[in-house]
Amino acid sequence: MIAGGLNGWYVAGVLAIMFAITFTLRALPFALLKPLRASRFVQTMSVWMPVGILGILAAVTFRSSAGHDTGSLLSGLIAVVVTVVVHLTLGRRTLLSVGLGTATFVVLVNVAGMA
């Protein structure tokens, strides 16, 4: 017996079931995607989906800050241009392009005072 009147085997059984369900739900997408990796649709989506998600996030950010401050909007636009240029010229490295775009925005807002 565990404190509170719980049976140790009951707790171990519940934890084992939770582990099995969690593991299955996390592994299932990879198992289902394996035969589709050669699909042209999946290959196209793997190229364009990250760019689309970043575009949606940028649009939402600009929409929420468009009427507030023109300085931060200008900083954001410059950072977007840096992100796009880095992404297209340095081999579509998403982490690098987003990192440099974010760093550009932070420098423009905090150091250059474009806020």
PDB file of N, CA and C in Angstrom:
ATOM      1  N   MET A   1       0.831  -1.194   0.000  1.00  0.00           N
ATOM      2  CA  MET A   1       0.000   0.000   0.000  1.00  0.00           C
ATOM      3  C   MET A   1       0.876   1.258   0.000  1.00  0.00           C
ATOM      4  N   ILE A   2       0.485   2.186  -0.820  1.00  0.00           N
ATOM      5  CA  ILE A   2       1.138   3.486  -0.878  1.00  0.00           C
ATOM      6  C   ILE A   2       0.330   4.430   0.008  1.00  0.00           C
ATOM      7  N   ALA A   3       0.956   5.498   0.444  1.00  0.00           N
ATOM      8  CA  ALA A   3       0.263   6.472   1.289  1.00  0.00           C
ATOM      9  C   ALA A   3      -1.031   6.913   0.614  1.00  0.00           C
ATOM     10  N   GLY A   4      -2.092   6.973   1.356  1.00  0.00           N
ATOM     11  CA  GLY A   4      -3.382   7.371   0.809  1.00  0.00           C
ATOM     12  C   GLY A   4      -4.230   6.177   0.430  1.00  0.00           C
ATOM     13  N   GLY A   5      -3.758   4.966   0.672  1.00  0.00           N
ATOM     14  CA  GLY A   5      -4.557   3.785   0.420  1.00  0.00           C
ATOM     15  C   GLY A   5      -4.487   3.246  -0.995  1.00  0.00           C
ATOM     16  N   LEU A   6      -3.512   3.715  -1.816  1.00  0.00           N
ATOM     17  CA  LEU A   6      -3.390   3.212  -3.179  1.00  0.00           C
ATOM     18  C   LEU A   6      -2.528   1.960  -3.207  1.00  0.00           C
ATOM     19  N   ASN A   7      -2.898   1.026  -4.034  1.00  0.00           N
ATOM     20  CA  ASN A   7      -2.141  -0.197  -4.232  1.00  0.00           C
ATOM     21  C   ASN A   7      -0.994   0.092  -5.205  1.00  0.00           C
ATOM     22  N   GLY A   8       0.215  -0.362  -4.888  1.00  0.00           N
ATOM     23  CA  GLY A   8       1.379  -0.121  -5.737  1.00  0.00           C
ATOM     24  C   GLY A   8       1.241  -0.725  -7.122  1.00  0.00           C
ATOM     25  N   TRP A   9       0.643  -1.921  -7.220  1.00  0.00           N
ATOM     26  CA  TRP A   9       0.448  -2.554  -8.525  1.00  0.00           C
ATOM     27  C   TRP A   9      -0.557  -1.771  -9.365  1.00  0.00           C
ATOM     28  N   TYR A  10      -1.547  -1.196  -8.724  1.00  0.00           N
ATOM     29  CA  TYR A  10      -2.550  -0.399  -9.437  1.00  0.00           C
ATOM     30  C   TYR A  10      -1.874   0.836 -10.046  1.00  0.00           C
ATOM     31  N   VAL A  11      -1.055   1.514  -9.256  1.00  0.00           N
ATOM     32  CA  VAL A  11      -0.346   2.705  -9.741  1.00  0.00           C
ATOM     33  C   VAL A  11       0.602   2.326 -10.873  1.00  0.00           C
ATOM     34  N   ALA A  12       1.339   1.220 -10.716  1.00  0.00           N
ATOM     35  CA  ALA A  12       2.257   0.777 -11.769  1.00  0.00           C
ATOM     36  C   ALA A  12       1.498   0.435 -13.049  1.00  0.00           C
ATOM     37  N   GLY A  13       0.335  -0.192 -12.905  1.00  0.00           N
ATOM     38  CA  GLY A  13      -0.476  -0.520 -14.074  1.00  0.00           C
ATOM     39  C   GLY A  13      -0.978   0.717 -14.790  1.00  0.00           C
ATOM     40  N   VAL A  14      -1.442   1.696 -14.021  1.00  0.00           N
ATOM     41  CA  VAL A  14      -1.910   2.954 -14.621  1.00  0.00           C
ATOM     42  C   VAL A  14      -0.764   3.660 -15.330  1.00  0.00           C
ATOM     43  N   LEU A  15       0.396   3.714 -14.703  1.00  0.00           N
ATOM     44  CA  LEU A  15       1.556   4.349 -15.334  1.00  0.00           C
ATOM     45  C   LEU A  15       1.985   3.613 -16.608  1.00  0.00           C
ATOM     46  N   ALA A  16       1.927   2.295 -16.599  1.00  0.00           N
ATOM     47  CA  ALA A  16       2.283   1.521 -17.792  1.00  0.00           C
ATOM     48  C   ALA A  16       1.309   1.798 -18.933  1.00  0.00           C
ATOM     49  N   ILE A  17       0.026   1.876 -18.620  1.00  0.00           N
ATOM     50  CA  ILE A  17      -0.978   2.175 -19.648  1.00  0.00           C
ATOM     51  C   ILE A  17      -0.776   3.592 -20.182  1.00  0.00           C
ATOM     52  N   MET A  18      -0.502   4.541 -19.288  1.00  0.00           N
ATOM     53  CA  MET A  18      -0.260   5.918 -19.726  1.00  0.00           C
ATOM     54  C   MET A  18       0.968   5.988 -20.638  1.00  0.00           C
ATOM     55  N   PHE A  19       2.020   5.253 -20.276  1.00  0.00           N
ATOM     56  CA  PHE A  19       3.225   5.231 -21.096  1.00  0.00           C
ATOM     57  C   PHE A  19       2.922   4.660 -22.473  1.00  0.00           C
ATOM     58  N   ALA A  20       2.200   3.543 -22.515  1.00  0.00           N
ATOM     59  CA  ALA A  20       1.894   2.892 -23.794  1.00  0.00           C
ATOM     60  C   ALA A  20       1.065   3.802 -24.696  1.00  0.00           C
ATOM     61  N   ILE A  21       0.067   4.451 -24.136  1.00  0.00           N
ATOM     62  CA  ILE A  21      -0.783   5.344 -24.938  1.00  0.00           C
ATOM     63  C   ILE A  21       0.017   6.543 -25.427  1.00  0.00           C
ATOM     64  N   THR A  22       0.798   7.160 -24.545  1.00  0.00           N
ATOM     65  CA  THR A  22       1.590   8.331 -24.938  1.00  0.00           C
ATOM     66  C   THR A  22       2.613   7.963 -26.004  1.00  0.00           C
ATOM     67  N   PHE A  23       3.310   6.844 -25.808  1.00  0.00           N
ATOM     68  CA  PHE A  23       4.312   6.410 -26.782  1.00  0.00           C
ATOM     69  C   PHE A  23       3.663   6.139 -28.137  1.00  0.00           C
ATOM     70  N   THR A  24       2.527   5.458 -28.133  1.00  0.00           N
ATOM     71  CA  THR A  24       1.833   5.141 -29.381  1.00  0.00           C
ATOM     72  C   THR A  24       1.382   6.405 -30.097  1.00  0.00           C
ATOM     73  N   LEU A  25       0.812   7.349 -29.365  1.00  0.00           N
ATOM     74  CA  LEU A  25       0.334   8.580 -30.003  1.00  0.00           C
ATOM     75  C   LEU A  25       1.475   9.424 -30.546  1.00  0.00           C
ATOM     76  N   ARG A  26       2.624   9.350 -29.927  1.00  0.00           N
ATOM     77  CA  ARG A  26       3.763  10.129 -30.429  1.00  0.00           C
ATOM     78  C   ARG A  26       4.462   9.428 -31.593  1.00  0.00           C
ATOM     79  N   ALA A  27       4.467   8.111 -31.617  1.00  0.00           N
ATOM     80  CA  ALA A  27       5.136   7.362 -32.678  1.00  0.00           C
ATOM     81  C   ALA A  27       4.254   7.177 -33.904  1.00  0.00           C
ATOM     82  N   LEU A  28       2.949   7.227 -33.721  1.00  0.00           N
ATOM     83  CA  LEU A  28       2.008   6.961 -34.813  1.00  0.00           C
ATOM     84  C   LEU A  28       2.199   7.884 -36.023  1.00  0.00           C
ATOM     85  N   PRO A  29       2.346   9.198 -35.850  1.00  0.00           N
ATOM     86  CA  PRO A  29       2.540  10.046 -37.037  1.00  0.00           C
ATOM     87  C   PRO A  29       3.776   9.673 -37.841  1.00  0.00           C
ATOM     88  N   PHE A  30       4.852   9.287 -37.156  1.00  0.00           N
ATOM     89  CA  PHE A  30       6.069   8.900 -37.876  1.00  0.00           C
ATOM     90  C   PHE A  30       5.863   7.586 -38.631  1.00  0.00           C
ATOM     91  N   ALA A  31       5.159   6.664 -38.023  1.00  0.00           N
ATOM     92  CA  ALA A  31       4.887   5.386 -38.679  1.00  0.00           C
ATOM     93  C   ALA A  31       3.967   5.579 -39.884  1.00  0.00           C
ATOM     94  N   LEU A  32       2.994   6.457 -39.761  1.00  0.00           N
ATOM     95  CA  LEU A  32       2.086   6.705 -40.878  1.00  0.00           C
ATOM     96  C   LEU A  32       2.747   7.498 -41.993  1.00  0.00           C
ATOM     97  N   LEU A  33       3.681   8.356 -41.646  1.00  0.00           N
ATOM     98  CA  LEU A  33       4.331   9.204 -42.639  1.00  0.00           C
ATOM     99  C   LEU A  33       5.424   8.474 -43.409  1.00  0.00           C
ATOM    100  N   LYS A  34       5.963   7.412 -42.846  1.00  0.00           N
ATOM    101  CA  LYS A  34       7.075   6.704 -43.485  1.00  0.00           C
ATOM    102  C   LYS A  34       6.776   6.287 -44.923  1.00  0.00           C
ATOM    103  N   PRO A  35       5.626   5.657 -45.208  1.00  0.00           N
ATOM    104  CA  PRO A  35       5.373   5.295 -46.604  1.00  0.00           C
ATOM    105  C   PRO A  35       5.077   6.504 -47.500  1.00  0.00           C
ATOM    106  N   LEU A  36       4.746   7.634 -46.905  1.00  0.00           N
ATOM    107  CA  LEU A  36       4.394   8.812 -47.690  1.00  0.00           C
ATOM    108  C   LEU A  36       5.586   9.713 -47.992  1.00  0.00           C
ATOM    109  N   ARG A  37       6.751   9.388 -47.453  1.00  0.00           N
ATOM    110  CA  ARG A  37       7.913  10.268 -47.630  1.00  0.00           C
ATOM    111  C   ARG A  37       8.269  10.472 -49.101  1.00  0.00           C
ATOM    112  N   ALA A  38       8.020   9.504 -49.929  1.00  0.00           N
ATOM    113  CA  ALA A  38       8.323   9.635 -51.355  1.00  0.00           C
ATOM    114  C   ALA A  38       7.250  10.410 -52.106  1.00  0.00           C
ATOM    115  N   SER A  39       6.149  10.712 -51.442  1.00  0.00           N
ATOM    116  CA  SER A  39       5.053  11.426 -52.069  1.00  0.00           C
ATOM    117  C   SER A  39       5.462  12.859 -52.416  1.00  0.00           C
ATOM    118  N   ARG A  40       5.090  13.283 -53.582  1.00  0.00           N
ATOM    119  CA  ARG A  40       5.403  14.647 -54.020  1.00  0.00           C
ATOM    120  C   ARG A  40       4.691  15.673 -53.137  1.00  0.00           C
ATOM    121  N   PHE A  41       3.461  15.367 -52.710  1.00  0.00           N
ATOM    122  CA  PHE A  41       2.698  16.279 -51.855  1.00  0.00           C
ATOM    123  C   PHE A  41       3.411  16.507 -50.524  1.00  0.00           C
ATOM    124  N   VAL A  42       3.883  15.441 -49.895  1.00  0.00           N
ATOM    125  CA  VAL A  42       4.562  15.560 -48.601  1.00  0.00           C
ATOM    126  C   VAL A  42       5.870  16.331 -48.760  1.00  0.00           C
ATOM    127  N   GLN A  43       6.588  16.097 -49.839  1.00  0.00           N
ATOM    128  CA  GLN A  43       7.830  16.823 -50.078  1.00  0.00           C
ATOM    129  C   GLN A  43       7.562  18.311 -50.293  1.00  0.00           C
ATOM    130  N   THR A  44       6.509  18.622 -51.034  1.00  0.00           N
ATOM    131  CA  THR A  44       6.147  20.023 -51.257  1.00  0.00           C
ATOM    132  C   THR A  44       5.730  20.696 -49.957  1.00  0.00           C
ATOM    133  N   MET A  45       4.938  19.995 -49.156  1.00  0.00           N
ATOM    134  CA  MET A  45       4.495  20.555 -47.882  1.00  0.00           C
ATOM    135  C   MET A  45       5.669  20.775 -46.927  1.00  0.00           C
ATOM    136  N   SER A  46       6.667  19.898 -46.962  1.00  0.00           N
ATOM    137  CA  SER A  46       7.809  20.054 -46.065  1.00  0.00           C
ATOM    138  C   SER A  46       8.647  21.279 -46.433  1.00  0.00           C
ATOM    139  N   VAL A  47       8.564  21.703 -47.685  1.00  0.00           N
ATOM    140  CA  VAL A  47       9.298  22.900 -48.107  1.00  0.00           C
ATOM    141  C   VAL A  47       8.503  24.163 -47.798  1.00  0.00           C
ATOM    142  N   TRP A  48       7.214  24.168 -48.123  1.00  0.00           N
ATOM    143  CA  TRP A  48       6.432  25.396 -48.045  1.00  0.00           C
ATOM    144  C   TRP A  48       5.696  25.623 -46.729  1.00  0.00           C
ATOM    145  N   MET A  49       5.463  24.588 -45.959  1.00  0.00           N
ATOM    146  CA  MET A  49       4.697  24.755 -44.725  1.00  0.00           C
ATOM    147  C   MET A  49       5.405  25.651 -43.691  1.00  0.00           C
ATOM    148  N   PRO A  50       6.712  25.476 -43.432  1.00  0.00           N
ATOM    149  CA  PRO A  50       7.361  26.385 -42.482  1.00  0.00           C
ATOM    150  C   PRO A  50       7.288  27.849 -42.917  1.00  0.00           C
ATOM    151  N   VAL A  51       7.454  28.096 -44.209  1.00  0.00           N
ATOM    152  CA  VAL A  51       7.380  29.467 -44.723  1.00  0.00           C
ATOM    153  C   VAL A  51       5.965  30.014 -44.554  1.00  0.00           C
ATOM    154  N   GLY A  52       4.966  29.190 -44.809  1.00  0.00           N
ATOM    155  CA  GLY A  52       3.584  29.621 -44.647  1.00  0.00           C
ATOM    156  C   GLY A  52       3.242  29.946 -43.211  1.00  0.00           C
ATOM    157  N   ILE A  53       3.718  29.125 -42.283  1.00  0.00           N
ATOM    158  CA  ILE A  53       3.460  29.368 -40.870  1.00  0.00           C
ATOM    159  C   ILE A  53       4.136  30.658 -40.421  1.00  0.00           C
ATOM    160  N   LEU A  54       5.377  30.874 -40.861  1.00  0.00           N
ATOM    161  CA  LEU A  54       6.055  32.120 -40.520  1.00  0.00           C
ATOM    162  C   LEU A  54       5.338  33.324 -41.123  1.00  0.00           C
ATOM    163  N   GLY A  55       4.829  33.163 -42.333  1.00  0.00           N
ATOM    164  CA  GLY A  55       4.073  34.252 -42.955  1.00  0.00           C
ATOM    165  C   GLY A  55       2.809  34.602 -42.182  1.00  0.00           C
ATOM    166  N   ILE A  56       2.098  33.579 -41.735  1.00  0.00           N
ATOM    167  CA  ILE A  56       0.882  33.811 -40.945  1.00  0.00           C
ATOM    168  C   ILE A  56       1.231  34.504 -39.632  1.00  0.00           C
ATOM    169  N   LEU A  57       2.276  34.033 -38.951  1.00  0.00           N
ATOM    170  CA  LEU A  57       2.689  34.670 -37.703  1.00  0.00           C
ATOM    171  C   LEU A  57       3.100  36.115 -37.914  1.00  0.00           C
ATOM    172  N   ALA A  58       3.817  36.394 -38.994  1.00  0.00           N
ATOM    173  CA  ALA A  58       4.221  37.773 -39.281  1.00  0.00           C
ATOM    174  C   ALA A  58       3.003  38.644 -39.575  1.00  0.00           C
ATOM    175  N   ALA A  59       2.058  38.115 -40.341  1.00  0.00           N
ATOM    176  CA  ALA A  59       0.849  38.886 -40.654  1.00  0.00           C
ATOM    177  C   ALA A  59       0.050  39.213 -39.398  1.00  0.00           C
ATOM    178  N   VAL A  60      -0.087  38.247 -38.510  1.00  0.00           N
ATOM    179  CA  VAL A  60      -0.820  38.485 -37.262  1.00  0.00           C
ATOM    180  C   VAL A  60      -0.093  39.510 -36.403  1.00  0.00           C
ATOM    181  N   THR A  61       1.234  39.422 -36.352  1.00  0.00           N
ATOM    182  CA  THR A  61       2.008  40.378 -35.566  1.00  0.00           C
ATOM    183  C   THR A  61       1.872  41.785 -36.128  1.00  0.00           C
ATOM    184  N   PHE A  62       1.979  41.921 -37.443  1.00  0.00           N
ATOM    185  CA  PHE A  62       1.845  43.245 -38.045  1.00  0.00           C
ATOM    186  C   PHE A  62       0.445  43.806 -37.874  1.00  0.00           C
ATOM    187  N   ARG A  63      -0.534  42.957 -37.964  1.00  0.00           N
ATOM    188  CA  ARG A  63      -1.921  43.413 -37.810  1.00  0.00           C
ATOM    189  C   ARG A  63      -2.159  43.942 -36.407  1.00  0.00           C
ATOM    190  N   SER A  64      -1.580  43.276 -35.404  1.00  0.00           N
ATOM    191  CA  SER A  64      -1.811  43.702 -34.028  1.00  0.00           C
ATOM    192  C   SER A  64      -1.015  44.953 -33.670  1.00  0.00           C
ATOM    193  N   SER A  65       0.094  45.215 -34.360  1.00  0.00           N
ATOM    194  CA  SER A  65       0.904  46.389 -34.015  1.00  0.00           C
ATOM    195  C   SER A  65       0.842  47.495 -35.049  1.00  0.00           C
ATOM    196  N   ALA A  66       0.052  47.334 -36.088  1.00  0.00           N
ATOM    197  CA  ALA A  66       0.045  48.315 -37.178  1.00  0.00           C
ATOM    198  C   ALA A  66      -0.428  49.693 -36.725  1.00  0.00           C
ATOM    199  N   GLY A  67      -1.436  49.759 -35.899  1.00  0.00           N
ATOM    200  CA  GLY A  67      -1.973  51.053 -35.515  1.00  0.00           C
ATOM    201  C   GLY A  67      -1.343  51.653 -34.288  1.00  0.00           C
ATOM    202  N   HIS A  68      -0.462  50.933 -33.624  1.00  0.00           N
ATOM    203  CA  HIS A  68       0.075  51.402 -32.347  1.00  0.00           C
ATOM    204  C   HIS A  68       1.285  52.309 -32.500  1.00  0.00           C
ATOM    205  N   ASP A  69       2.277  51.854 -33.216  1.00  0.00           N
ATOM    206  CA  ASP A  69       3.536  52.587 -33.260  1.00  0.00           C
ATOM    207  C   ASP A  69       4.206  52.361 -34.605  1.00  0.00           C
ATOM    208  N   THR A  70       4.445  53.437 -35.321  1.00  0.00           N
ATOM    209  CA  THR A  70       5.048  53.292 -36.649  1.00  0.00           C
ATOM    210  C   THR A  70       6.508  52.867 -36.567  1.00  0.00           C
ATOM    211  N   GLY A  71       7.193  53.224 -35.477  1.00  0.00           N
ATOM    212  CA  GLY A  71       8.599  52.833 -35.327  1.00  0.00           C
ATOM    213  C   GLY A  71       8.760  51.334 -35.207  1.00  0.00           C
ATOM    214  N   SER A  72       7.915  50.719 -34.383  1.00  0.00           N
ATOM    215  CA  SER A  72       8.033  49.268 -34.244  1.00  0.00           C
ATOM    216  C   SER A  72       7.552  48.554 -35.497  1.00  0.00           C
ATOM    217  N   LEU A  73       6.600  49.160 -36.194  1.00  0.00           N
ATOM    218  CA  LEU A  73       6.144  48.584 -37.465  1.00  0.00           C
ATOM    219  C   LEU A  73       7.266  48.627 -38.495  1.00  0.00           C
ATOM    220  N   LEU A  74       7.995  49.734 -38.548  1.00  0.00           N
ATOM    221  CA  LEU A  74       9.134  49.852 -39.463  1.00  0.00           C
ATOM    222  C   LEU A  74      10.232  48.861 -39.077  1.00  0.00           C
ATOM    223  N   SER A  75      10.484  48.719 -37.771  1.00  0.00           N
ATOM    224  CA  SER A  75      11.471  47.737 -37.307  1.00  0.00           C
ATOM    225  C   SER A  75      11.054  46.333 -37.715  1.00  0.00           C
ATOM    226  N   GLY A  76       9.779  46.041 -37.582  1.00  0.00           N
ATOM    227  CA  GLY A  76       9.266  44.733 -37.973  1.00  0.00           C
ATOM    228  C   GLY A  76       9.409  44.479 -39.460  1.00  0.00           C
ATOM    229  N   LEU A  77       9.110  45.484 -40.263  1.00  0.00           N
ATOM    230  CA  LEU A  77       9.239  45.325 -41.719  1.00  0.00           C
ATOM    231  C   LEU A  77      10.694  45.105 -42.129  1.00  0.00           C
ATOM    232  N   ILE A  78      11.608  45.844 -41.500  1.00  0.00           N
ATOM    233  CA  ILE A  78      13.028  45.649 -41.796  1.00  0.00           C
ATOM    234  C   ILE A  78      13.461  44.247 -41.385  1.00  0.00           C
ATOM    235  N   ALA A  79      13.003  43.791 -40.230  1.00  0.00           N
ATOM    236  CA  ALA A  79      13.350  42.447 -39.761  1.00  0.00           C
ATOM    237  C   ALA A  79      12.788  41.370 -40.686  1.00  0.00           C
ATOM    238  N   VAL A  80      11.591  41.592 -41.217  1.00  0.00           N
ATOM    239  CA  VAL A  80      11.011  40.636 -42.167  1.00  0.00           C
ATOM    240  C   VAL A  80      11.846  40.579 -43.441  1.00  0.00           C
ATOM    241  N   VAL A  81      12.269  41.730 -43.924  1.00  0.00           N
ATOM    242  CA  VAL A  81      13.106  41.752 -45.128  1.00  0.00           C
ATOM    243  C   VAL A  81      14.414  40.999 -44.869  1.00  0.00           C
ATOM    244  N   VAL A  82      15.031  41.230 -43.713  1.00  0.00           N
ATOM    245  CA  VAL A  82      16.263  40.509 -43.370  1.00  0.00           C
ATOM    246  C   VAL A  82      15.997  39.006 -43.319  1.00  0.00           C
ATOM    247  N   THR A  83      14.880  38.610 -42.694  1.00  0.00           N
ATOM    248  CA  THR A  83      14.545  37.197 -42.584  1.00  0.00           C
ATOM    249  C   THR A  83      14.369  36.559 -43.956  1.00  0.00           C
ATOM    250  N   VAL A  84      13.643  37.216 -44.841  1.00  0.00           N
ATOM    251  CA  VAL A  84      13.381  36.667 -46.173  1.00  0.00           C
ATOM    252  C   VAL A  84      14.675  36.586 -46.983  1.00  0.00           C
ATOM    253  N   VAL A  85      15.476  37.627 -46.940  1.00  0.00           N
ATOM    254  CA  VAL A  85      16.723  37.637 -47.710  1.00  0.00           C
ATOM    255  C   VAL A  85      17.666  36.541 -47.209  1.00  0.00           C
ATOM    256  N   VAL A  86      17.815  36.426 -45.896  1.00  0.00           N
ATOM    257  CA  VAL A  86      18.689  35.380 -45.340  1.00  0.00           C
ATOM    258  C   VAL A  86      18.148  34.002 -45.694  1.00  0.00           C
ATOM    259  N   HIS A  87      16.837  33.840 -45.597  1.00  0.00           N
ATOM    260  CA  HIS A  87      16.242  32.538 -45.888  1.00  0.00           C
ATOM    261  C   HIS A  87      16.464  32.129 -47.340  1.00  0.00           C
ATOM    262  N   LEU A  88      16.317  33.055 -48.246  1.00  0.00           N
ATOM    263  CA  LEU A  88      16.441  32.726 -49.662  1.00  0.00           C
ATOM    264  C   LEU A  88      17.893  32.652 -50.141  1.00  0.00           C
ATOM    265  N   THR A  89      18.780  33.407 -49.525  1.00  0.00           N
ATOM    266  CA  THR A  89      20.169  33.418 -50.004  1.00  0.00           C
ATOM    267  C   THR A  89      21.058  32.384 -49.317  1.00  0.00           C
ATOM    268  N   LEU A  90      20.707  31.963 -48.112  1.00  0.00           N
ATOM    269  CA  LEU A  90      21.573  31.032 -47.377  1.00  0.00           C
ATOM    270  C   LEU A  90      20.996  29.628 -47.289  1.00  0.00           C
ATOM    271  N   GLY A  91      20.276  29.212 -48.288  1.00  0.00           N
ATOM    272  CA  GLY A  91      19.859  27.822 -48.400  1.00  0.00           C
ATOM    273  C   GLY A  91      18.653  27.424 -47.579  1.00  0.00           C
ATOM    274  N   ARG A  92      17.712  28.320 -47.378  1.00  0.00           N
ATOM    275  CA  ARG A  92      16.456  28.007 -46.688  1.00  0.00           C
ATOM    276  C   ARG A  92      16.685  27.400 -45.304  1.00  0.00           C
ATOM    277  N   ARG A  93      17.572  27.970 -44.557  1.00  0.00           N
ATOM    278  CA  ARG A  93      17.825  27.526 -43.180  1.00  0.00           C
ATOM    279  C   ARG A  93      16.919  28.332 -42.259  1.00  0.00           C
ATOM    280  N   THR A  94      15.831  27.715 -41.864  1.00  0.00           N
ATOM    281  CA  THR A  94      14.788  28.414 -41.115  1.00  0.00           C
ATOM    282  C   THR A  94      15.311  28.964 -39.797  1.00  0.00           C
ATOM    283  N   LEU A  95      16.046  28.172 -39.056  1.00  0.00           N
ATOM    284  CA  LEU A  95      16.540  28.618 -37.754  1.00  0.00           C
ATOM    285  C   LEU A  95      17.451  29.833 -37.902  1.00  0.00           C
ATOM    286  N   LEU A  96      18.320  29.805 -38.890  1.00  0.00           N
ATOM    287  CA  LEU A  96      19.229  30.927 -39.126  1.00  0.00           C
ATOM    288  C   LEU A  96      18.461  32.178 -39.537  1.00  0.00           C
ATOM    289  N   SER A  97      17.532  32.036 -40.470  1.00  0.00           N
ATOM    290  CA  SER A  97      16.804  33.208 -40.947  1.00  0.00           C
ATOM    291  C   SER A  97      15.924  33.810 -39.860  1.00  0.00           C
ATOM    292  N   VAL A  98      15.228  32.977 -39.102  1.00  0.00           N
ATOM    293  CA  VAL A  98      14.389  33.489 -38.016  1.00  0.00           C
ATOM    294  C   VAL A  98      15.258  34.108 -36.929  1.00  0.00           C
ATOM    295  N   GLY A  99      16.370  33.480 -36.627  1.00  0.00           N
ATOM    296  CA  GLY A  99      17.275  34.015 -35.602  1.00  0.00           C
ATOM    297  C   GLY A  99      17.828  35.373 -35.978  1.00  0.00           C
ATOM    298  N   LEU A 100      18.286  35.517 -37.216  1.00  0.00           N
ATOM    299  CA  LEU A 100      18.819  36.811 -37.646  1.00  0.00           C
ATOM    300  C   LEU A 100      17.723  37.868 -37.769  1.00  0.00           C
ATOM    301  N   GLY A 101      16.544  37.470 -38.209  1.00  0.00           N
ATOM    302  CA  GLY A 101      15.434  38.419 -38.266  1.00  0.00           C
ATOM    303  C   GLY A 101      15.031  38.899 -36.887  1.00  0.00           C
ATOM    304  N   THR A 102      14.990  37.977 -35.935  1.00  0.00           N
ATOM    305  CA  THR A 102      14.656  38.349 -34.558  1.00  0.00           C
ATOM    306  C   THR A 102      15.730  39.249 -33.966  1.00  0.00           C
ATOM    307  N   ALA A 103      16.992  38.895 -34.187  1.00  0.00           N
ATOM    308  CA  ALA A 103      18.090  39.723 -33.684  1.00  0.00           C
ATOM    309  C   ALA A 103      18.041  41.124 -34.294  1.00  0.00           C
ATOM    310  N   THR A 104      17.729  41.216 -35.576  1.00  0.00           N
ATOM    311  CA  THR A 104      17.598  42.519 -36.227  1.00  0.00           C
ATOM    312  C   THR A 104      16.505  43.343 -35.565  1.00  0.00           C
ATOM    313  N   PHE A 105      15.364  42.731 -35.316  1.00  0.00           N
ATOM    314  CA  PHE A 105      14.257  43.442 -34.683  1.00  0.00           C
ATOM    315  C   PHE A 105      14.643  43.921 -33.285  1.00  0.00           C
ATOM    316  N   VAL A 106      15.276  43.047 -32.517  1.00  0.00           N
ATOM    317  CA  VAL A 106      15.675  43.414 -31.141  1.00  0.00           C
ATOM    318  C   VAL A 106      16.671  44.561 -31.151  1.00  0.00           C
ATOM    319  N   VAL A 107      17.644  44.511 -32.060  1.00  0.00           N
ATOM    320  CA  VAL A 107      18.635  45.581 -32.144  1.00  0.00           C
ATOM    321  C   VAL A 107      17.964  46.894 -32.570  1.00  0.00           C
ATOM    322  N   LEU A 108      17.086  46.841 -33.557  1.00  0.00           N
ATOM    323  CA  LEU A 108      16.439  48.066 -34.019  1.00  0.00           C
ATOM    324  C   LEU A 108      15.555  48.677 -32.934  1.00  0.00           C
ATOM    325  N   VAL A 109      14.851  47.856 -32.186  1.00  0.00           N
ATOM    326  CA  VAL A 109      13.958  48.386 -31.170  1.00  0.00           C
ATOM    327  C   VAL A 109      14.726  48.866 -29.934  1.00  0.00           C
ATOM    328  N   ASN A 110      15.700  48.082 -29.485  1.00  0.00           N
ATOM    329  CA  ASN A 110      16.367  48.403 -28.219  1.00  0.00           C
ATOM    330  C   ASN A 110      17.600  49.271 -28.362  1.00  0.00           C
ATOM    331  N   VAL A 111      18.371  49.094 -29.400  1.00  0.00           N
ATOM    332  CA  VAL A 111      19.623  49.845 -29.539  1.00  0.00           C
ATOM    333  C   VAL A 111      19.414  51.073 -30.406  1.00  0.00           C
ATOM    334  N   ALA A 112      18.779  50.911 -31.546  1.00  0.00           N
ATOM    335  CA  ALA A 112      18.589  52.033 -32.456  1.00  0.00           C
ATOM    336  C   ALA A 112      17.409  52.919 -32.036  1.00  0.00           C
ATOM    337  N   GLY A 113      16.604  52.453 -31.118  1.00  0.00           N
ATOM    338  CA  GLY A 113      15.493  53.260 -30.619  1.00  0.00           C
ATOM    339  C   GLY A 113      14.355  53.422 -31.603  1.00  0.00           C
ATOM    340  N   MET A 114      14.140  52.418 -32.452  1.00  0.00           N
ATOM    341  CA  MET A 114      13.053  52.500 -33.440  1.00  0.00           C
ATOM    342  C   MET A 114      11.780  51.878 -32.882  1.00  0.00           C
ATOM    343  N   ALA A 115      11.393  52.290 -31.701  1.00  0.00           N
ATOM    344  CA  ALA A 115      10.173  51.739 -31.113  1.00  0.00           C
ATOM    345  C   ALA A 115       9.135  52.804 -30.916  1.00  0.00           C
TER     346      ALA A 115
END
